[in-house]
PDB file of N, CA and C in Angstrom:
ATOM      1  N   UNK A   1      67.271  52.066 -46.313  1.00  0.00           N
ATOM      2  CA  UNK A   1      65.726  52.656 -47.160  1.00  0.00           C
ATOM      3  C   UNK A   1      64.604  51.927 -46.390  1.00  0.00           C
ATOM      4  N   UNK A   2      63.819  52.750 -45.985  1.00  0.00           N
ATOM      5  CA  UNK A   2      62.591  51.776 -45.293  1.00  0.00           C
ATOM      6  C   UNK A   2      61.218  52.458 -46.277  1.00  0.00           C
ATOM      7  N   UNK A   3      60.241  51.373 -46.218  1.00  0.00           N
ATOM      8  CA  UNK A   3      58.876  51.958 -46.557  1.00  0.00           C
ATOM      9  C   UNK A   3      58.307  52.166 -45.703  1.00  0.00           C
ATOM     10  N   UNK A   4      56.771  53.028 -45.755  1.00  0.00           N
ATOM     11  CA  UNK A   4      55.875  52.842 -44.729  1.00  0.00           C
ATOM     12  C   UNK A   4      54.577  52.076 -45.619  1.00  0.00           C
ATOM     13  N   UNK A   5      54.181  51.134 -44.637  1.00  0.00           N
ATOM     14  CA  UNK A   5      53.179  50.168 -44.969  1.00  0.00           C
ATOM     15  C   UNK A   5      51.943  50.089 -43.651  1.00  0.00           C
ATOM     16  N   UNK A   6      50.667  50.049 -44.252  1.00  0.00           N
ATOM     17  CA  UNK A   6      49.589  50.217 -43.846  1.00  0.00           C
ATOM     18  C   UNK A   6      49.349  48.765 -42.566  1.00  0.00           C
ATOM     19  N   UNK A   7      49.154  48.557 -41.494  1.00  0.00           N
ATOM     20  CA  UNK A   7      48.991  47.629 -40.449  1.00  0.00           C
ATOM     21  C   UNK A   7      47.451  47.891 -40.224  1.00  0.00           C
ATOM     22  N   UNK A   8      46.732  46.666 -40.460  1.00  0.00           N
ATOM     23  CA  UNK A   8      45.484  46.963 -39.407  1.00  0.00           C
ATOM     24  C   UNK A   8      45.247  45.918 -38.422  1.00  0.00           C
ATOM     25  N   UNK A   9      44.899  46.179 -37.322  1.00  0.00           N
ATOM     26  CA  UNK A   9      44.753  45.097 -36.069  1.00  0.00           C
ATOM     27  C   UNK A   9      43.068  44.972 -36.709  1.00  0.00           C
ATOM     28  N   UNK A  10      42.995  43.827 -36.855  1.00  0.00           N
ATOM     29  CA  UNK A  10      41.646  43.316 -37.453  1.00  0.00           C
ATOM     30  C   UNK A  10      40.766  43.032 -36.213  1.00  0.00           C
ATOM     31  N   UNK A  11      41.489  42.662 -35.248  1.00  0.00           N
ATOM     32  CA  UNK A  11      40.584  42.499 -33.769  1.00  0.00           C
ATOM     33  C   UNK A  11      39.780  43.640 -33.104  1.00  0.00           C
ATOM     34  N   UNK A  12      40.645  44.916 -33.393  1.00  0.00           N
ATOM     35  CA  UNK A  12      40.316  46.169 -33.296  1.00  0.00           C
ATOM     36  C   UNK A  12      39.184  46.970 -34.012  1.00  0.00           C
ATOM     37  N   UNK A  13      39.581  46.357 -35.123  1.00  0.00           N
ATOM     38  CA  UNK A  13      38.889  47.125 -36.648  1.00  0.00           C
ATOM     39  C   UNK A  13      37.190  46.993 -36.084  1.00  0.00           C
ATOM     40  N   UNK A  14      36.349  48.107 -36.013  1.00  0.00           N
ATOM     41  CA  UNK A  14      34.949  48.078 -35.975  1.00  0.00           C
ATOM     42  C   UNK A  14      34.076  48.238 -37.284  1.00  0.00           C
ATOM     43  N   UNK A  15      34.829  48.366 -38.045  1.00  0.00           N
ATOM     44  CA  UNK A  15      34.243  48.920 -39.370  1.00  0.00           C
ATOM     45  C   UNK A  15      33.314  50.159 -39.309  1.00  0.00           C
ATOM     46  N   UNK A  16      33.720  50.944 -38.756  1.00  0.00           N
ATOM     47  CA  UNK A  16      32.937  52.282 -38.772  1.00  0.00           C
ATOM     48  C   UNK A  16      33.055  53.250 -39.821  1.00  0.00           C
ATOM     49  N   UNK A  17      34.138  52.881 -40.449  1.00  0.00           N
ATOM     50  CA  UNK A  17      34.581  53.499 -41.996  1.00  0.00           C
ATOM     51  C   UNK A  17      35.120  54.848 -41.766  1.00  0.00           C
ATOM     52  N   UNK A  18      35.809  55.522 -40.731  1.00  0.00           N
ATOM     53  CA  UNK A  18      36.190  56.607 -40.830  1.00  0.00           C
ATOM     54  C   UNK A  18      37.420  56.721 -41.696  1.00  0.00           C
ATOM     55  N   UNK A  19      38.119  55.778 -41.738  1.00  0.00           N
ATOM     56  CA  UNK A  19      39.759  55.726 -42.653  1.00  0.00           C
ATOM     57  C   UNK A  19      38.888  55.856 -44.096  1.00  0.00           C
ATOM     58  N   UNK A  20      38.269  55.308 -44.308  1.00  0.00           N
ATOM     59  CA  UNK A  20      37.544  55.390 -45.770  1.00  0.00           C
ATOM     60  C   UNK A  20      37.294  56.729 -46.334  1.00  0.00           C
ATOM     61  N   UNK A  21      36.450  57.898 -45.079  1.00  0.00           N
ATOM     62  CA  UNK A  21      36.245  59.147 -45.434  1.00  0.00           C
ATOM     63  C   UNK A  21      37.563  59.700 -45.749  1.00  0.00           C
ATOM     64  N   UNK A  22      38.754  59.383 -45.186  1.00  0.00           N
ATOM     65  CA  UNK A  22      40.119  59.995 -45.147  1.00  0.00           C
ATOM     66  C   UNK A  22      40.517  59.690 -46.560  1.00  0.00           C
ATOM     67  N   UNK A  23      40.480  58.848 -46.843  1.00  0.00           N
ATOM     68  CA  UNK A  23      41.089  57.890 -48.086  1.00  0.00           C
ATOM     69  C   UNK A  23      40.315  57.075 -48.749  1.00  0.00           C
ATOM     70  N   UNK A  24      39.483  57.484 -49.383  1.00  0.00           N
ATOM     71  CA  UNK A  24      38.287  56.314 -50.226  1.00  0.00           C
ATOM     72  C   UNK A  24      39.360  55.413 -51.266  1.00  0.00           C
ATOM     73  N   UNK A  25      40.088  55.869 -51.737  1.00  0.00           N
ATOM     74  CA  UNK A  25      40.947  55.177 -52.660  1.00  0.00           C
ATOM     75  C   UNK A  25      41.725  53.863 -52.123  1.00  0.00           C
ATOM     76  N   UNK A  26      41.677  54.156 -50.499  1.00  0.00           N
ATOM     77  CA  UNK A  26      42.853  52.811 -50.230  1.00  0.00           C
ATOM     78  C   UNK A  26      41.773  52.317 -49.100  1.00  0.00           C
ATOM     79  N   UNK A  27      40.783  53.064 -48.483  1.00  0.00           N
ATOM     80  CA  UNK A  27      40.136  51.938 -47.386  1.00  0.00           C
ATOM     81  C   UNK A  27      38.645  52.019 -48.009  1.00  0.00           C
ATOM     82  N   UNK A  28      37.953  50.826 -47.975  1.00  0.00           N
ATOM     83  CA  UNK A  28      36.948  50.338 -48.020  1.00  0.00           C
ATOM     84  C   UNK A  28      36.136  49.515 -46.906  1.00  0.00           C
ATOM     85  N   UNK A  29      35.114  49.873 -46.540  1.00  0.00           N
ATOM     86  CA  UNK A  29      34.493  48.815 -45.659  1.00  0.00           C
ATOM     87  C   UNK A  29      33.076  48.130 -46.542  1.00  0.00           C
ATOM     88  N   UNK A  30      33.300  47.077 -46.440  1.00  0.00           N
ATOM     89  CA  UNK A  30      32.189  46.263 -47.079  1.00  0.00           C
ATOM     90  C   UNK A  30      31.032  45.793 -46.253  1.00  0.00           C
ATOM     91  N   UNK A  31      29.876  45.480 -47.003  1.00  0.00           N
ATOM     92  CA  UNK A  31      28.626  45.228 -46.402  1.00  0.00           C
ATOM     93  C   UNK A  31      28.544  44.664 -45.173  1.00  0.00           C
ATOM     94  N   UNK A  32      29.432  43.661 -44.928  1.00  0.00           N
ATOM     95  CA  UNK A  32      29.607  42.927 -43.806  1.00  0.00           C
ATOM     96  C   UNK A  32      30.630  43.602 -42.502  1.00  0.00           C
ATOM     97  N   UNK A  33      30.968  45.168 -42.887  1.00  0.00           N
ATOM     98  CA  UNK A  33      31.699  46.064 -41.914  1.00  0.00           C
ATOM     99  C   UNK A  33      33.283  45.239 -42.423  1.00  0.00           C
ATOM    100  N   UNK A  34      33.677  44.367 -42.618  1.00  0.00           N
ATOM    101  CA  UNK A  34      35.237  44.049 -42.683  1.00  0.00           C
ATOM    102  C   UNK A  34      35.804  45.464 -43.950  1.00  0.00           C
ATOM    103  N   UNK A  35      36.852  45.650 -43.029  1.00  0.00           N
ATOM    104  CA  UNK A  35      37.836  46.783 -43.677  1.00  0.00           C
ATOM    105  C   UNK A  35      38.632  45.765 -45.121  1.00  0.00           C
ATOM    106  N   UNK A  36      38.715  46.832 -46.023  1.00  0.00           N
ATOM    107  CA  UNK A  36      39.454  46.332 -47.179  1.00  0.00           C
ATOM    108  C   UNK A  36      40.170  47.510 -47.447  1.00  0.00           C
ATOM    109  N   UNK A  37      41.695  46.619 -47.711  1.00  0.00           N
ATOM    110  CA  UNK A  37      42.665  47.851 -47.833  1.00  0.00           C
ATOM    111  C   UNK A  37      43.517  47.624 -49.171  1.00  0.00           C
ATOM    112  N   UNK A  38      43.526  48.451 -50.200  1.00  0.00           N
ATOM    113  CA  UNK A  38      43.843  48.585 -51.412  1.00  0.00           C
ATOM    114  C   UNK A  38      45.227  48.968 -51.261  1.00  0.00           C
ATOM    115  N   UNK A  39      46.354  48.139 -51.297  1.00  0.00           N
ATOM    116  CA  UNK A  39      47.505  48.020 -51.299  1.00  0.00           C
ATOM    117  C   UNK A  39      47.996  48.362 -49.708  1.00  0.00           C
ATOM    118  N   UNK A  40      49.396  48.100 -49.564  1.00  0.00           N
ATOM    119  CA  UNK A  40      49.753  48.115 -48.077  1.00  0.00           C
ATOM    120  C   UNK A  40      50.776  49.045 -48.016  1.00  0.00           C
ATOM    121  N   UNK A  41      51.618  49.035 -49.117  1.00  0.00           N
ATOM    122  CA  UNK A  41      52.469  50.362 -49.328  1.00  0.00           C
ATOM    123  C   UNK A  41      52.190  51.702 -49.376  1.00  0.00           C
ATOM    124  N   UNK A  42      52.665  52.799 -48.763  1.00  0.00           N
ATOM    125  CA  UNK A  42      52.223  54.364 -48.399  1.00  0.00           C
ATOM    126  C   UNK A  42      53.042  54.847 -49.326  1.00  0.00           C
ATOM    127  N   UNK A  43      52.747  55.791 -50.421  1.00  0.00           N
ATOM    128  CA  UNK A  43      53.751  56.699 -51.312  1.00  0.00           C
ATOM    129  C   UNK A  43      53.883  57.780 -50.563  1.00  0.00           C
ATOM    130  N   UNK A  44      55.062  58.472 -50.733  1.00  0.00           N
ATOM    131  CA  UNK A  44      55.547  59.713 -50.030  1.00  0.00           C
ATOM    132  C   UNK A  44      54.099  61.028 -50.547  1.00  0.00           C
ATOM    133  N   UNK A  45      53.191  60.763 -51.811  1.00  0.00           N
ATOM    134  CA  UNK A  45      52.341  61.330 -51.902  1.00  0.00           C
ATOM    135  C   UNK A  45      51.257  61.567 -51.058  1.00  0.00           C
ATOM    136  N   UNK A  46      51.036  60.088 -50.706  1.00  0.00           N
ATOM    137  CA  UNK A  46      49.672  59.983 -49.928  1.00  0.00           C
ATOM    138  C   UNK A  46      50.168  59.765 -48.635  1.00  0.00           C
ATOM    139  N   UNK A  47      51.158  59.983 -47.813  1.00  0.00           N
ATOM    140  CA  UNK A  47      51.372  59.892 -46.933  1.00  0.00           C
ATOM    141  C   UNK A  47      50.123  60.820 -45.845  1.00  0.00           C
ATOM    142  N   UNK A  48      50.330  62.133 -46.137  1.00  0.00           N
ATOM    143  CA  UNK A  48      49.235  62.735 -45.356  1.00  0.00           C
ATOM    144  C   UNK A  48      48.040  62.473 -45.249  1.00  0.00           C
ATOM    145  N   UNK A  49      47.374  62.123 -46.089  1.00  0.00           N
ATOM    146  CA  UNK A  49      46.008  61.795 -46.256  1.00  0.00           C
ATOM    147  C   UNK A  49      45.688  60.055 -45.538  1.00  0.00           C
ATOM    148  N   UNK A  50      46.967  59.019 -45.417  1.00  0.00           N
ATOM    149  CA  UNK A  50      46.936  57.903 -44.733  1.00  0.00           C
ATOM    150  C   UNK A  50      47.119  58.266 -43.210  1.00  0.00           C
ATOM    151  N   UNK A  51      48.074  59.364 -43.137  1.00  0.00           N
ATOM    152  CA  UNK A  51      48.077  59.287 -41.826  1.00  0.00           C
ATOM    153  C   UNK A  51      46.954  60.192 -41.072  1.00  0.00           C
ATOM    154  N   UNK A  52      46.116  60.782 -41.165  1.00  0.00           N
ATOM    155  CA  UNK A  52      44.813  61.308 -41.170  1.00  0.00           C
ATOM    156  C   UNK A  52      43.778  60.152 -41.026  1.00  0.00           C
ATOM    157  N   UNK A  53      43.906  59.049 -41.981  1.00  0.00           N
ATOM    158  CA  UNK A  53      42.742  58.520 -41.613  1.00  0.00           C
ATOM    159  C   UNK A  53      43.725  57.400 -40.488  1.00  0.00           C
ATOM    160  N   UNK A  54      44.656  56.982 -40.100  1.00  0.00           N
ATOM    161  CA  UNK A  54      45.404  56.035 -39.198  1.00  0.00           C
ATOM    162  C   UNK A  54      45.087  57.157 -37.852  1.00  0.00           C
ATOM    163  N   UNK A  55      45.253  58.321 -37.711  1.00  0.00           N
ATOM    164  CA  UNK A  55      45.005  58.907 -36.674  1.00  0.00           C
ATOM    165  C   UNK A  55      43.364  59.402 -36.163  1.00  0.00           C
ATOM    166  N   UNK A  56      42.687  59.298 -37.180  1.00  0.00           N
ATOM    167  CA  UNK A  56      41.556  59.157 -37.256  1.00  0.00           C
ATOM    168  C   UNK A  56      40.549  57.999 -36.643  1.00  0.00           C
ATOM    169  N   UNK A  57      41.428  57.147 -36.665  1.00  0.00           N
ATOM    170  CA  UNK A  57      40.553  55.611 -36.423  1.00  0.00           C
ATOM    171  C   UNK A  57      39.991  55.569 -34.711  1.00  0.00           C
ATOM    172  N   UNK A  58      39.113  55.740 -34.408  1.00  0.00           N
ATOM    173  CA  UNK A  58      38.498  55.910 -33.092  1.00  0.00           C
ATOM    174  C   UNK A  58      38.799  54.641 -32.279  1.00  0.00           C
ATOM    175  N   UNK A  59      39.051  53.204 -32.718  1.00  0.00           N
ATOM    176  CA  UNK A  59      39.364  52.151 -32.537  1.00  0.00           C
ATOM    177  C   UNK A  59      41.045  51.841 -32.429  1.00  0.00           C
ATOM    178  N   UNK A  60      41.766  52.824 -33.147  1.00  0.00           N
ATOM    179  CA  UNK A  60      43.276  52.441 -32.875  1.00  0.00           C
ATOM    180  C   UNK A  60      43.329  51.346 -33.456  1.00  0.00           C
ATOM    181  N   UNK A  61      42.934  50.738 -34.808  1.00  0.00           N
ATOM    182  CA  UNK A  61      42.919  49.939 -35.465  1.00  0.00           C
ATOM    183  C   UNK A  61      43.913  49.801 -36.549  1.00  0.00           C
ATOM    184  N   UNK A  62      44.356  51.040 -36.963  1.00  0.00           N
ATOM    185  CA  UNK A  62      45.325  51.435 -37.994  1.00  0.00           C
ATOM    186  C   UNK A  62      46.803  51.987 -37.679  1.00  0.00           C
ATOM    187  N   UNK A  63      47.852  51.619 -38.110  1.00  0.00           N
ATOM    188  CA  UNK A  63      48.979  52.128 -38.052  1.00  0.00           C
ATOM    189  C   UNK A  63      49.897  51.984 -39.012  1.00  0.00           C
ATOM    190  N   UNK A  64      50.894  52.973 -39.159  1.00  0.00           N
ATOM    191  CA  UNK A  64      51.970  52.825 -40.083  1.00  0.00           C
ATOM    192  C   UNK A  64      53.200  52.173 -39.676  1.00  0.00           C
ATOM    193  N   UNK A  65      53.809  51.184 -40.135  1.00  0.00           N
ATOM    194  CA  UNK A  65      54.822  50.693 -40.203  1.00  0.00           C
ATOM    195  C   UNK A  65      55.896  51.073 -41.064  1.00  0.00           C
ATOM    196  N   UNK A  66      56.999  50.880 -40.546  1.00  0.00           N
ATOM    197  CA  UNK A  66      58.307  51.186 -41.400  1.00  0.00           C
ATOM    198  C   UNK A  66      58.995  49.926 -41.741  1.00  0.00           C
ATOM    199  N   UNK A  67      58.967  49.586 -42.956  1.00  0.00           N
ATOM    200  CA  UNK A  67      59.962  48.114 -42.956  1.00  0.00           C
ATOM    201  C   UNK A  67      61.160  48.383 -44.316  1.00  0.00           C
ATOM    202  N   UNK A  68      62.143  47.546 -43.932  1.00  0.00           N
ATOM    203  CA  UNK A  68      62.988  47.614 -45.022  1.00  0.00           C
ATOM    204  C   UNK A  68      62.530  47.406 -46.454  1.00  0.00           C
ATOM    205  N   UNK A  69      63.132  48.525 -47.044  1.00  0.00           N
ATOM    206  CA  UNK A  69      62.731  48.188 -48.422  1.00  0.00           C
ATOM    207  C   UNK A  69      63.261  46.913 -49.285  1.00  0.00           C
TER     208      UNK A  69
END
């Protein structure tokens, strides 16, 4: 069994906040432009929302990775 986890490439993230617009409960860009991710593991219920955030990132700084449970 595997779980999905949000991975952020902080060197690529520009802090635009598109991910925040797709999944505001999971992503936040603070006043300094730093991305804050609330929890890394993705539940089945929120998978579509998180995938939209990942696919919508213009800097390709987000990805979903499968990790062993």
